[in-house]
Protein backbone atom coordinates (compact mmCIF):
# COMPACT_ATOMS: atom_id res chain seq x y z
CA MET A 1 16.64 3.85 -22.79
CA ARG A 2 17.63 6.86 -20.75
CA ARG A 3 20.90 6.58 -18.90
CA GLY A 4 20.51 5.47 -15.27
CA ARG A 5 17.00 4.08 -15.70
CA SER A 6 16.06 0.40 -15.95
CA THR A 7 13.15 1.04 -18.30
CA GLY A 8 13.10 2.39 -21.80
CA ASN A 9 10.57 4.88 -23.18
CA PRO A 10 6.95 3.81 -22.97
CA THR A 11 5.16 2.42 -26.08
CA LYS A 12 2.17 4.35 -27.34
CA ALA A 13 -0.17 2.01 -25.38
CA GLU A 14 1.91 2.40 -22.19
CA GLN A 15 1.99 6.16 -22.65
CA ALA A 16 -1.81 6.22 -23.14
CA ARG A 17 -2.24 4.23 -19.88
CA GLN A 18 0.09 6.62 -17.97
CA ASP A 19 -1.74 9.65 -19.44
CA ALA A 20 -5.01 8.13 -18.13
CA GLN A 21 -3.39 7.70 -14.70
CA ARG A 22 -2.31 11.36 -14.68
CA ALA A 23 -5.74 12.51 -15.78
CA HIS A 24 -7.42 10.42 -13.11
CA GLY A 25 -5.48 12.17 -10.34
CA CYS A 26 -3.35 11.10 -7.40
CA ALA A 27 -4.29 7.52 -6.57
CA MET A 28 -3.43 7.90 -2.90
CA CYS A 29 -5.42 11.12 -2.49
CA GLN A 30 -8.39 9.43 -4.13
CA LEU A 31 -8.02 6.36 -1.92
CA ARG A 32 -7.96 8.71 1.08
CA ARG A 33 -10.98 10.53 -0.36
CA SER A 34 -9.16 13.83 -0.14
CA ARG A 35 -11.09 16.81 -1.43
CA ARG A 36 -7.91 18.55 -2.62
CA ALA A 37 -5.03 17.56 -4.86
CA CYS A 38 -1.66 17.18 -3.21
CA GLY A 39 0.15 18.58 -6.25
CA GLN A 40 0.71 17.85 -9.88
CA VAL A 41 0.33 14.17 -10.73
CA ARG A 42 3.54 12.33 -11.73
CA ILE A 43 4.02 8.75 -12.78
CA HIS A 44 5.62 6.59 -10.10
CA HIS A 45 7.49 3.63 -11.57
CA ARG A 46 7.25 0.73 -9.19
CA THR A 47 10.44 -1.13 -8.33
CA VAL A 48 11.36 -4.59 -7.15
CA GLY A 49 10.30 -4.85 -3.52
CA ASP A 50 9.13 -1.20 -3.54
CA LEU A 51 12.72 -0.28 -2.68
CA HIS A 52 14.37 2.93 -3.89
CA GLY A 53 17.26 2.24 -6.20
CA ASN A 54 16.05 -1.24 -7.14
CA LYS A 55 15.23 -2.11 -10.74
CA ARG A 56 12.07 -0.68 -12.16
CA LEU A 57 9.42 -3.24 -13.06
CA GLY A 58 8.67 -1.70 -16.46
CA GLN A 59 6.38 0.87 -17.99
CA ASP A 60 3.29 -1.15 -17.12
CA ALA A 61 4.14 -1.08 -13.39
CA THR A 62 3.18 2.50 -12.73
CA VAL A 63 0.78 4.53 -10.57
CA GLY A 64 -0.19 8.16 -10.72
CA LEU A 65 0.77 10.06 -7.55
CA GLY A 66 0.67 13.77 -6.73
CA ASP A 67 3.87 15.66 -5.85
CA TRP A 68 3.27 15.26 -2.12
CA CYS A 69 2.29 11.61 -2.09
CA HIS A 70 5.06 10.70 -4.55
CA GLN A 71 8.09 12.79 -3.74
CA GLY A 72 7.10 14.63 -0.56
CA VAL A 73 6.98 18.06 -2.19
CA PRO A 74 4.80 20.32 -0.02
CA LEU A 75 2.33 22.75 -1.55
CA GLU A 76 3.63 26.32 -1.56
CA GLY A 77 3.72 27.81 1.94
CA ARG A 78 3.23 24.50 3.72
CA THR A 79 5.61 22.47 5.82
CA VAL A 80 6.14 18.69 5.69
CA ASP A 81 4.25 18.35 9.00
CA GLN A 82 1.28 20.43 7.71
CA MET A 83 1.18 18.36 4.51
CA ARG A 84 1.19 15.08 6.45
CA ALA A 85 -1.57 16.36 8.71
CA GLU A 86 -3.76 17.30 5.74
CA PHE A 87 -2.82 14.65 3.12
CA GLY A 88 -1.33 11.79 5.09
CA PRO A 89 2.16 10.26 4.79
CA SER A 90 4.15 10.67 1.58
CA TYR A 91 5.98 7.81 -0.06
CA HIS A 92 9.19 9.81 0.05
CA HIS A 93 9.19 11.04 3.64
CA HIS A 94 7.09 8.41 5.40
CA LYS A 95 7.41 5.27 3.32
CA ARG A 96 6.65 2.77 6.10
CA ALA A 97 3.49 4.65 7.13
CA PHE A 98 2.46 5.06 3.49
CA LEU A 99 2.75 1.30 2.85
CA GLU A 100 1.08 0.46 6.19
CA GLU A 101 -1.89 2.58 5.11
CA LEU A 102 -2.12 0.59 1.88
CA GLN A 103 -2.11 -2.59 3.99
CA GLU A 104 -4.97 -1.27 6.12
CA VAL A 105 -7.12 -0.06 3.27
CA LEU A 106 -6.28 -2.48 0.43
CA GLY A 107 -5.03 -5.48 2.36
CA GLU A 108 -1.56 -5.45 0.78
CA ARG A 109 1.52 -3.52 1.79
CA SER A 110 2.69 -2.58 -1.72
CA THR A 111 2.31 -0.06 -4.48
CA ALA A 112 1.15 -2.97 -6.66
CA ALA A 113 -2.12 -2.95 -4.70
CA LEU A 114 -2.45 0.79 -5.25
CA GLN A 115 -1.82 0.38 -8.96
CA ARG A 116 -4.48 -2.31 -9.25
CA TRP A 117 -6.93 -0.14 -7.34
CA GLN A 118 -6.23 2.92 -9.52
CA ASP A 119 -6.45 0.86 -12.73
CA GLN A 120 -9.83 -0.50 -11.62
CA GLN A 121 -11.07 3.02 -10.81
CA ILE A 122 -10.00 4.23 -14.28
CA LYS A 123 -11.67 1.27 -15.94
CA SER A 124 -14.89 1.82 -13.97
CA SER A 125 -15.03 5.55 -14.80
CA SER A 126 -14.41 4.93 -18.47
CA ARG A 127 -17.30 2.38 -18.54
CA ARG A 128 -19.59 4.95 -16.91
CA ALA A 129 -18.56 7.58 -19.44
CA ALA A 130 -19.24 5.33 -22.42
């Protein structure tokens, strides 16, 4: 386990799942039907109560999010306001609005709902590809 983190390294199966999440793209951008990516996709580790600093829920409680949606990192040459106008609220800068959007679209105000949605999208696309 890395120092300062409440989860150890992912198993091969967990790593494969996270790689599939990265390859699938930013879950929030896809939910919003954005035509552009908001940045490189990172793995967001969900925490107890979706609260920063709380214990991570484990390597299976993850969702792929782009740099903007995850950590509020604007694309080069863009401001935070421009990014929000184009891509919507980020989890980092506008957490309440981000979670309220999940409530409106998925019926649940949590990143757990977004993870379930992304996992279902990945499963559906892999069935179509097979």
